[in-house]
Amino acid sequence: MNEDNVVVLNGDRLKQARSTAGLNQAELGQRCGVSQSHISGMERSVRAPSIELLDTLSQALGVSAHWLMGGDSDDTLATTEIGREHILAERKTPVGLASLAGDECLCEHLHIRSIEWRALRSLQPPNGLNKEGYLVVLLALRGHRAT
């Protein structure tokens, strides 16, 4: 791996985010396309992820890459639960995400977890997403294929 393509990762933060997401190392590795031992090495700070893997980790865990590298950020790992009510109450919530959060019946059916709301909230697509776009992203986060 090219050394210019690796980043310094805070292993303790990776472990904290993984635990908060309710994932074990093997599950996180599977979501990110790496082995359990690779995740273990990063948590022990003996392995460094590529920039691409850091992005994948941050998306899978619903935290910012900046926070995983040890930085402070407002949109990082929250210690409080985030639910549809929080999404609806935020002034800066994108219209498509607010539309999803406003569909109480669908949200109850999908059982959207706090970590998933954080991941959806962290998205900043250049042209925005509508409700269906956020559903596709949610299914992708869960490892389902959209048809």
N, C-alpha and C. Protein backbone atom coordinates (compact mmCIF):
# COMPACT_ATOMS: atom_id res chain seq x y z
N MET A 1 0.85 -1.18 0.00
CA MET A 1 0.00 0.00 0.00
C MET A 1 0.88 1.23 0.00
N ASN A 2 0.56 2.21 -0.79
CA ASN A 2 1.28 3.45 -0.88
C ASN A 2 1.14 4.22 0.43
N GLU A 3 2.26 4.65 1.02
CA GLU A 3 2.20 5.35 2.30
C GLU A 3 1.48 6.68 2.20
N ASP A 4 1.44 7.27 1.00
CA ASP A 4 0.71 8.53 0.83
C ASP A 4 -0.80 8.31 0.88
N ASN A 5 -1.21 7.06 0.79
CA ASN A 5 -2.63 6.73 0.73
C ASN A 5 -3.16 6.21 2.07
N VAL A 6 -2.37 6.29 3.15
CA VAL A 6 -2.82 5.83 4.45
C VAL A 6 -2.99 7.03 5.38
N VAL A 7 -3.83 6.84 6.39
CA VAL A 7 -4.10 7.91 7.35
C VAL A 7 -3.89 7.41 8.76
N VAL A 8 -3.69 8.33 9.68
CA VAL A 8 -3.55 7.98 11.08
C VAL A 8 -4.95 7.88 11.68
N LEU A 9 -5.21 6.76 12.31
CA LEU A 9 -6.53 6.49 12.87
C LEU A 9 -6.40 6.36 14.38
N ASN A 10 -7.36 6.88 15.12
CA ASN A 10 -7.41 6.72 16.56
C ASN A 10 -8.11 5.39 16.84
N GLY A 11 -7.35 4.37 17.21
CA GLY A 11 -7.89 3.04 17.43
C GLY A 11 -8.95 2.97 18.50
N ASP A 12 -8.77 3.75 19.57
CA ASP A 12 -9.77 3.76 20.65
C ASP A 12 -11.11 4.29 20.15
N ARG A 13 -11.05 5.31 19.30
CA ARG A 13 -12.30 5.86 18.76
C ARG A 13 -12.98 4.87 17.81
N LEU A 14 -12.18 4.16 17.03
CA LEU A 14 -12.76 3.15 16.15
C LEU A 14 -13.48 2.09 16.98
N LYS A 15 -12.84 1.64 18.04
CA LYS A 15 -13.45 0.63 18.90
C LYS A 15 -14.72 1.17 19.56
N GLN A 16 -14.68 2.41 20.03
CA GLN A 16 -15.84 3.03 20.66
C GLN A 16 -17.01 3.12 19.68
N ALA A 17 -16.73 3.57 18.47
CA ALA A 17 -17.79 3.71 17.47
C ALA A 17 -18.36 2.35 17.08
N ARG A 18 -17.49 1.36 16.95
CA ARG A 18 -17.95 0.00 16.61
C ARG A 18 -18.84 -0.55 17.71
N SER A 19 -18.43 -0.37 18.96
CA SER A 19 -19.23 -0.86 20.09
C SER A 19 -20.57 -0.15 20.16
N THR A 20 -20.56 1.16 19.96
CA THR A 20 -21.80 1.93 19.97
C THR A 20 -22.74 1.48 18.86
N ALA A 21 -22.18 1.10 17.73
CA ALA A 21 -22.99 0.62 16.61
C ALA A 21 -23.51 -0.80 16.83
N GLY A 22 -23.02 -1.45 17.89
CA GLY A 22 -23.48 -2.81 18.19
C GLY A 22 -22.89 -3.85 17.26
N LEU A 23 -21.70 -3.59 16.75
CA LEU A 23 -21.05 -4.51 15.82
C LEU A 23 -19.83 -5.15 16.47
N ASN A 24 -19.56 -6.39 16.11
CA ASN A 24 -18.28 -6.97 16.50
C ASN A 24 -17.28 -6.71 15.37
N GLN A 25 -16.02 -7.05 15.61
CA GLN A 25 -14.99 -6.76 14.62
C GLN A 25 -15.26 -7.46 13.29
N ALA A 26 -15.71 -8.70 13.33
CA ALA A 26 -15.98 -9.44 12.10
C ALA A 26 -17.11 -8.79 11.30
N GLU A 27 -18.16 -8.34 11.99
CA GLU A 27 -19.29 -7.70 11.30
C GLU A 27 -18.86 -6.39 10.64
N LEU A 28 -18.07 -5.58 11.37
CA LEU A 28 -17.59 -4.34 10.79
C LEU A 28 -16.67 -4.63 9.60
N GLY A 29 -15.81 -5.61 9.76
CA GLY A 29 -14.93 -6.00 8.67
C GLY A 29 -15.70 -6.41 7.43
N GLN A 30 -16.76 -7.17 7.63
CA GLN A 30 -17.58 -7.62 6.51
C GLN A 30 -18.23 -6.42 5.80
N ARG A 31 -18.72 -5.47 6.57
CA ARG A 31 -19.35 -4.28 5.97
C ARG A 31 -18.35 -3.44 5.19
N CYS A 32 -17.08 -3.51 5.62
CA CYS A 32 -16.06 -2.65 5.02
C CYS A 32 -15.15 -3.38 4.04
N GLY A 33 -15.35 -4.68 3.90
CA GLY A 33 -14.56 -5.45 2.94
C GLY A 33 -13.16 -5.79 3.41
N VAL A 34 -12.97 -5.88 4.73
CA VAL A 34 -11.67 -6.28 5.28
C VAL A 34 -11.90 -7.38 6.32
N SER A 35 -10.82 -8.01 6.74
CA SER A 35 -10.92 -9.10 7.71
C SER A 35 -11.10 -8.59 9.14
N GLN A 36 -11.53 -9.50 10.00
CA GLN A 36 -11.64 -9.18 11.43
C GLN A 36 -10.28 -8.79 11.99
N SER A 37 -9.22 -9.47 11.55
CA SER A 37 -7.88 -9.16 12.07
C SER A 37 -7.42 -7.76 11.62
N HIS A 38 -7.88 -7.33 10.46
CA HIS A 38 -7.55 -5.98 10.00
C HIS A 38 -8.21 -4.94 10.91
N ILE A 39 -9.48 -5.16 11.25
CA ILE A 39 -10.18 -4.26 12.18
C ILE A 39 -9.47 -4.26 13.53
N SER A 40 -9.11 -5.44 14.02
CA SER A 40 -8.40 -5.56 15.29
C SER A 40 -7.10 -4.77 15.27
N GLY A 41 -6.35 -4.89 14.19
CA GLY A 41 -5.09 -4.17 14.06
C GLY A 41 -5.28 -2.66 14.08
N MET A 42 -6.34 -2.19 13.44
CA MET A 42 -6.61 -0.75 13.45
C MET A 42 -7.03 -0.28 14.83
N GLU A 43 -7.82 -1.09 15.54
CA GLU A 43 -8.24 -0.72 16.89
C GLU A 43 -7.05 -0.68 17.85
N ARG A 44 -6.05 -1.50 17.59
CA ARG A 44 -4.85 -1.51 18.43
C ARG A 44 -3.81 -0.52 17.92
N SER A 45 -4.16 0.22 16.88
CA SER A 45 -3.29 1.23 16.27
C SER A 45 -1.99 0.65 15.72
N VAL A 46 -2.04 -0.59 15.27
CA VAL A 46 -0.86 -1.19 14.63
C VAL A 46 -1.04 -1.29 13.12
N ARG A 47 -2.23 -0.98 12.63
CA ARG A 47 -2.51 -0.94 11.20
C ARG A 47 -3.16 0.40 10.89
N ALA A 48 -2.85 0.92 9.73
CA ALA A 48 -3.45 2.19 9.30
C ALA A 48 -4.35 1.93 8.09
N PRO A 49 -5.51 2.54 8.08
CA PRO A 49 -6.41 2.35 6.93
C PRO A 49 -6.02 3.26 5.77
N SER A 50 -6.41 2.87 4.58
CA SER A 50 -6.29 3.77 3.43
C SER A 50 -7.34 4.86 3.58
N ILE A 51 -7.21 5.88 2.78
CA ILE A 51 -8.21 6.95 2.80
C ILE A 51 -9.58 6.38 2.44
N GLU A 52 -9.59 5.48 1.47
CA GLU A 52 -10.85 4.87 1.04
C GLU A 52 -11.48 4.05 2.16
N LEU A 53 -10.65 3.27 2.88
CA LEU A 53 -11.17 2.46 3.98
C LEU A 53 -11.66 3.35 5.12
N LEU A 54 -10.95 4.44 5.39
CA LEU A 54 -11.40 5.38 6.43
C LEU A 54 -12.79 5.91 6.10
N ASP A 55 -13.00 6.26 4.84
CA ASP A 55 -14.31 6.75 4.41
C ASP A 55 -15.37 5.66 4.60
N THR A 56 -15.04 4.44 4.23
CA THR A 56 -15.97 3.32 4.38
C THR A 56 -16.29 3.07 5.85
N LEU A 57 -15.27 3.11 6.71
CA LEU A 57 -15.47 2.94 8.15
C LEU A 57 -16.39 4.02 8.71
N SER A 58 -16.12 5.27 8.34
CA SER A 58 -16.93 6.37 8.89
C SER A 58 -18.39 6.24 8.45
N GLN A 59 -18.61 5.83 7.22
CA GLN A 59 -19.99 5.64 6.74
C GLN A 59 -20.66 4.47 7.45
N ALA A 60 -19.94 3.38 7.61
CA ALA A 60 -20.52 2.19 8.25
C ALA A 60 -20.86 2.45 9.72
N LEU A 61 -20.09 3.34 10.36
CA LEU A 61 -20.28 3.59 11.79
C LEU A 61 -21.08 4.86 12.08
N GLY A 62 -21.35 5.66 11.06
CA GLY A 62 -22.13 6.88 11.27
C GLY A 62 -21.38 7.96 12.01
N VAL A 63 -20.06 8.00 11.85
CA VAL A 63 -19.24 9.04 12.47
C VAL A 63 -18.40 9.69 11.38
N SER A 64 -17.84 10.84 11.67
CA SER A 64 -17.01 11.51 10.67
C SER A 64 -15.61 10.90 10.64
N ALA A 65 -15.00 10.95 9.47
CA ALA A 65 -13.61 10.49 9.34
C ALA A 65 -12.70 11.34 10.22
N HIS A 66 -13.00 12.63 10.29
CA HIS A 66 -12.21 13.54 11.12
C HIS A 66 -12.21 13.08 12.58
N TRP A 67 -13.37 12.67 13.08
CA TRP A 67 -13.46 12.21 14.46
C TRP A 67 -12.68 10.91 14.64
N LEU A 68 -12.77 9.99 13.67
CA LEU A 68 -12.02 8.74 13.78
C LEU A 68 -10.51 8.97 13.80
N MET A 69 -10.06 10.08 13.22
CA MET A 69 -8.64 10.40 13.23
C MET A 69 -8.23 11.16 14.48
N GLY A 70 -9.19 11.41 15.39
CA GLY A 70 -8.85 12.06 16.65
C GLY A 70 -9.29 13.50 16.76
N GLY A 71 -9.91 14.03 15.72
CA GLY A 71 -10.33 15.43 15.74
C GLY A 71 -11.65 15.63 16.45
N ASP A 72 -11.91 16.88 16.79
CA ASP A 72 -13.19 17.26 17.38
C ASP A 72 -14.11 17.70 16.26
N SER A 73 -15.38 17.36 16.37
CA SER A 73 -16.33 17.74 15.35
C SER A 73 -17.73 17.71 15.92
N ASP A 74 -18.57 18.60 15.43
CA ASP A 74 -19.95 18.65 15.89
C ASP A 74 -20.78 17.49 15.38
N ASP A 75 -20.41 16.94 14.21
CA ASP A 75 -21.23 15.90 13.61
C ASP A 75 -20.59 14.53 13.80
N THR A 76 -20.08 14.28 14.98
CA THR A 76 -19.39 13.04 15.24
C THR A 76 -20.24 12.10 16.07
N LEU A 77 -19.59 11.16 16.71
CA LEU A 77 -20.28 10.16 17.50
C LEU A 77 -21.07 10.83 18.62
N ALA A 78 -22.35 10.69 18.57
CA ALA A 78 -23.20 11.29 19.59
C ALA A 78 -23.39 10.32 20.74
N THR A 79 -23.41 10.85 21.94
CA THR A 79 -23.63 9.97 23.09
C THR A 79 -25.12 9.81 23.35
N THR A 80 -25.93 10.67 22.75
CA THR A 80 -27.37 10.55 22.93
C THR A 80 -27.97 9.81 21.74
N GLU A 81 -29.09 9.19 21.99
CA GLU A 81 -29.80 8.49 20.93
C GLU A 81 -30.40 9.51 19.97
N ILE A 82 -30.31 9.20 18.71
CA ILE A 82 -30.91 10.04 17.68
C ILE A 82 -32.02 9.23 17.05
N GLY A 83 -33.19 9.80 17.01
CA GLY A 83 -34.32 9.14 16.39
C GLY A 83 -35.00 10.07 15.41
N ARG A 84 -36.10 9.61 14.89
CA ARG A 84 -36.83 10.39 13.90
C ARG A 84 -37.26 11.75 14.46
N GLU A 85 -37.56 11.78 15.78
CA GLU A 85 -37.97 13.05 16.39
C GLU A 85 -36.85 14.08 16.33
N HIS A 86 -35.62 13.63 16.55
CA HIS A 86 -34.47 14.54 16.49
C HIS A 86 -34.27 15.04 15.06
N ILE A 87 -34.42 14.14 14.10
CA ILE A 87 -34.25 14.52 12.70
C ILE A 87 -35.30 15.57 12.32
N LEU A 88 -36.54 15.34 12.74
CA LEU A 88 -37.61 16.29 12.42
C LEU A 88 -37.42 17.63 13.11
N ALA A 89 -36.82 17.63 14.30
CA ALA A 89 -36.65 18.87 15.06
C ALA A 89 -35.49 19.72 14.57
N GLU A 90 -34.54 19.13 13.87
CA GLU A 90 -33.38 19.88 13.40
C GLU A 90 -33.76 20.80 12.24
N ARG A 91 -33.35 22.03 12.33
CA ARG A 91 -33.67 23.00 11.28
C ARG A 91 -32.95 22.70 9.97
N LYS A 92 -31.76 22.15 10.06
CA LYS A 92 -30.95 21.93 8.86
C LYS A 92 -31.18 20.56 8.22
N THR A 93 -32.17 19.83 8.67
CA THR A 93 -32.45 18.51 8.09
C THR A 93 -32.85 18.66 6.63
N PRO A 94 -32.17 17.94 5.72
CA PRO A 94 -32.56 17.99 4.31
C PRO A 94 -34.01 17.54 4.11
N VAL A 95 -34.65 18.08 3.10
CA VAL A 95 -36.07 17.82 2.85
C VAL A 95 -36.35 16.32 2.69
N GLY A 96 -35.52 15.61 1.93
CA GLY A 96 -35.74 14.18 1.72
C GLY A 96 -35.65 13.38 3.00
N LEU A 97 -34.69 13.73 3.86
CA LEU A 97 -34.54 13.03 5.14
C LEU A 97 -35.71 13.36 6.06
N ALA A 98 -36.14 14.62 6.05
CA ALA A 98 -37.30 15.01 6.85
C ALA A 98 -38.55 14.28 6.38
N SER A 99 -38.66 14.08 5.08
CA SER A 99 -39.80 13.34 4.53
C SER A 99 -39.80 11.90 5.01
N LEU A 100 -38.62 11.28 5.03
CA LEU A 100 -38.51 9.91 5.55
C LEU A 100 -38.87 9.88 7.03
N ALA A 101 -38.28 10.78 7.80
CA ALA A 101 -38.54 10.81 9.24
C ALA A 101 -40.01 11.12 9.55
N GLY A 102 -40.65 11.87 8.66
CA GLY A 102 -42.05 12.21 8.87
C GLY A 102 -43.02 11.09 8.57
N ASP A 103 -42.53 10.04 7.93
CA ASP A 103 -43.38 8.89 7.61
C ASP A 103 -43.32 7.90 8.77
N GLU A 104 -44.11 8.15 9.79
CA GLU A 104 -44.06 7.37 11.03
C GLU A 104 -44.28 5.88 10.79
N CYS A 105 -45.24 5.55 9.96
CA CYS A 105 -45.56 4.14 9.69
C CYS A 105 -44.36 3.42 9.06
N LEU A 106 -43.74 4.06 8.07
CA LEU A 106 -42.58 3.46 7.41
C LEU A 106 -41.41 3.33 8.38
N CYS A 107 -41.18 4.36 9.18
CA CYS A 107 -40.08 4.32 10.15
C CYS A 107 -40.27 3.20 11.17
N GLU A 108 -41.51 3.01 11.62
CA GLU A 108 -41.78 1.92 12.56
C GLU A 108 -41.54 0.57 11.90
N HIS A 109 -41.94 0.44 10.65
CA HIS A 109 -41.75 -0.81 9.92
C HIS A 109 -40.27 -1.12 9.71
N LEU A 110 -39.48 -0.08 9.41
CA LEU A 110 -38.06 -0.27 9.12
C LEU A 110 -37.20 -0.39 10.38
N HIS A 111 -37.70 0.04 11.52
CA HIS A 111 -36.94 0.01 12.78
C HIS A 111 -35.57 0.66 12.58
N ILE A 112 -35.56 1.91 12.14
CA ILE A 112 -34.31 2.61 11.87
C ILE A 112 -33.61 2.90 13.19
N ARG A 113 -32.36 2.43 13.30
CA ARG A 113 -31.59 2.59 14.53
C ARG A 113 -30.91 3.95 14.57
N SER A 114 -30.50 4.35 15.76
CA SER A 114 -29.83 5.62 15.97
C SER A 114 -28.60 5.76 15.08
N ILE A 115 -27.81 4.73 14.99
CA ILE A 115 -26.59 4.78 14.17
C ILE A 115 -26.94 5.00 12.71
N GLU A 116 -28.07 4.46 12.28
CA GLU A 116 -28.49 4.64 10.89
C GLU A 116 -28.98 6.06 10.64
N TRP A 117 -29.72 6.64 11.61
CA TRP A 117 -30.14 8.04 11.48
C TRP A 117 -28.91 8.94 11.40
N ARG A 118 -27.89 8.66 12.23
CA ARG A 118 -26.66 9.47 12.19
C ARG A 118 -26.00 9.36 10.84
N ALA A 119 -25.93 8.14 10.30
CA ALA A 119 -25.30 7.95 8.99
C ALA A 119 -26.07 8.70 7.91
N LEU A 120 -27.38 8.60 7.92
CA LEU A 120 -28.20 9.30 6.93
C LEU A 120 -28.06 10.81 7.07
N ARG A 121 -28.02 11.28 8.30
CA ARG A 121 -27.89 12.71 8.57
C ARG A 121 -26.53 13.25 8.11
N SER A 122 -25.51 12.40 8.12
CA SER A 122 -24.16 12.86 7.77
C SER A 122 -23.95 13.01 6.27
N LEU A 123 -24.86 12.48 5.46
CA LEU A 123 -24.71 12.55 4.01
C LEU A 123 -24.82 13.99 3.52
N GLN A 124 -24.00 14.32 2.53
CA GLN A 124 -24.06 15.64 1.93
C GLN A 124 -23.96 15.50 0.41
N PRO A 125 -24.95 14.86 -0.22
CA PRO A 125 -24.90 14.70 -1.67
C PRO A 125 -25.04 16.05 -2.35
N PRO A 126 -24.31 16.27 -3.46
CA PRO A 126 -24.32 17.59 -4.10
C PRO A 126 -25.70 18.04 -4.58
N ASN A 127 -26.53 17.11 -5.01
CA ASN A 127 -27.85 17.48 -5.52
C ASN A 127 -28.97 17.10 -4.57
N GLY A 128 -28.63 16.72 -3.36
CA GLY A 128 -29.64 16.32 -2.39
C GLY A 128 -30.25 14.97 -2.73
N LEU A 129 -31.00 14.45 -1.81
CA LEU A 129 -31.71 13.18 -2.01
C LEU A 129 -33.17 13.37 -1.63
N ASN A 130 -34.03 12.66 -2.32
CA ASN A 130 -35.43 12.65 -1.91
C ASN A 130 -35.63 11.49 -0.93
N LYS A 131 -36.85 11.31 -0.48
CA LYS A 131 -37.16 10.25 0.48
C LYS A 131 -36.71 8.89 -0.03
N GLU A 132 -37.00 8.60 -1.29
CA GLU A 132 -36.63 7.31 -1.87
C GLU A 132 -35.11 7.15 -1.92
N GLY A 133 -34.40 8.24 -2.18
CA GLY A 133 -32.94 8.19 -2.20
C GLY A 133 -32.37 7.80 -0.84
N TYR A 134 -32.95 8.38 0.22
CA TYR A 134 -32.52 8.02 1.57
C TYR A 134 -32.86 6.57 1.89
N LEU A 135 -33.98 6.07 1.37
CA LEU A 135 -34.32 4.65 1.57
C LEU A 135 -33.30 3.75 0.89
N VAL A 136 -32.87 4.11 -0.31
CA VAL A 136 -31.86 3.32 -1.02
C VAL A 136 -30.56 3.30 -0.22
N VAL A 137 -30.17 4.46 0.32
CA VAL A 137 -28.95 4.53 1.13
C VAL A 137 -29.10 3.67 2.38
N LEU A 138 -30.24 3.75 3.04
CA LEU A 138 -30.48 2.95 4.24
C LEU A 138 -30.35 1.46 3.92
N LEU A 139 -30.95 1.03 2.83
CA LEU A 139 -30.86 -0.38 2.45
C LEU A 139 -29.42 -0.76 2.11
N ALA A 140 -28.68 0.15 1.48
CA ALA A 140 -27.27 -0.12 1.19
C ALA A 140 -26.47 -0.25 2.47
N LEU A 141 -26.75 0.61 3.46
CA LEU A 141 -26.06 0.51 4.75
C LEU A 141 -26.33 -0.84 5.40
N ARG A 142 -27.52 -1.34 5.19
CA ARG A 142 -27.89 -2.64 5.77
C ARG A 142 -27.44 -3.81 4.92
N GLY A 143 -26.86 -3.51 3.77
CA GLY A 143 -26.35 -4.58 2.92
C GLY A 143 -27.37 -5.19 1.99
N HIS A 144 -28.49 -4.51 1.77
CA HIS A 144 -29.52 -5.00 0.85
C HIS A 144 -29.30 -4.37 -0.52
N ARG A 145 -29.72 -5.06 -1.54
CA ARG A 145 -29.67 -4.50 -2.88
C ARG A 145 -30.99 -3.85 -3.21
N ALA A 146 -30.91 -2.65 -3.75
CA ALA A 146 -32.13 -1.97 -4.19
C ALA A 146 -32.52 -2.52 -5.56
N THR A 147 -33.80 -2.74 -5.76
CA THR A 147 -34.24 -3.27 -7.05
C THR A 147 -34.98 -2.23 -7.84
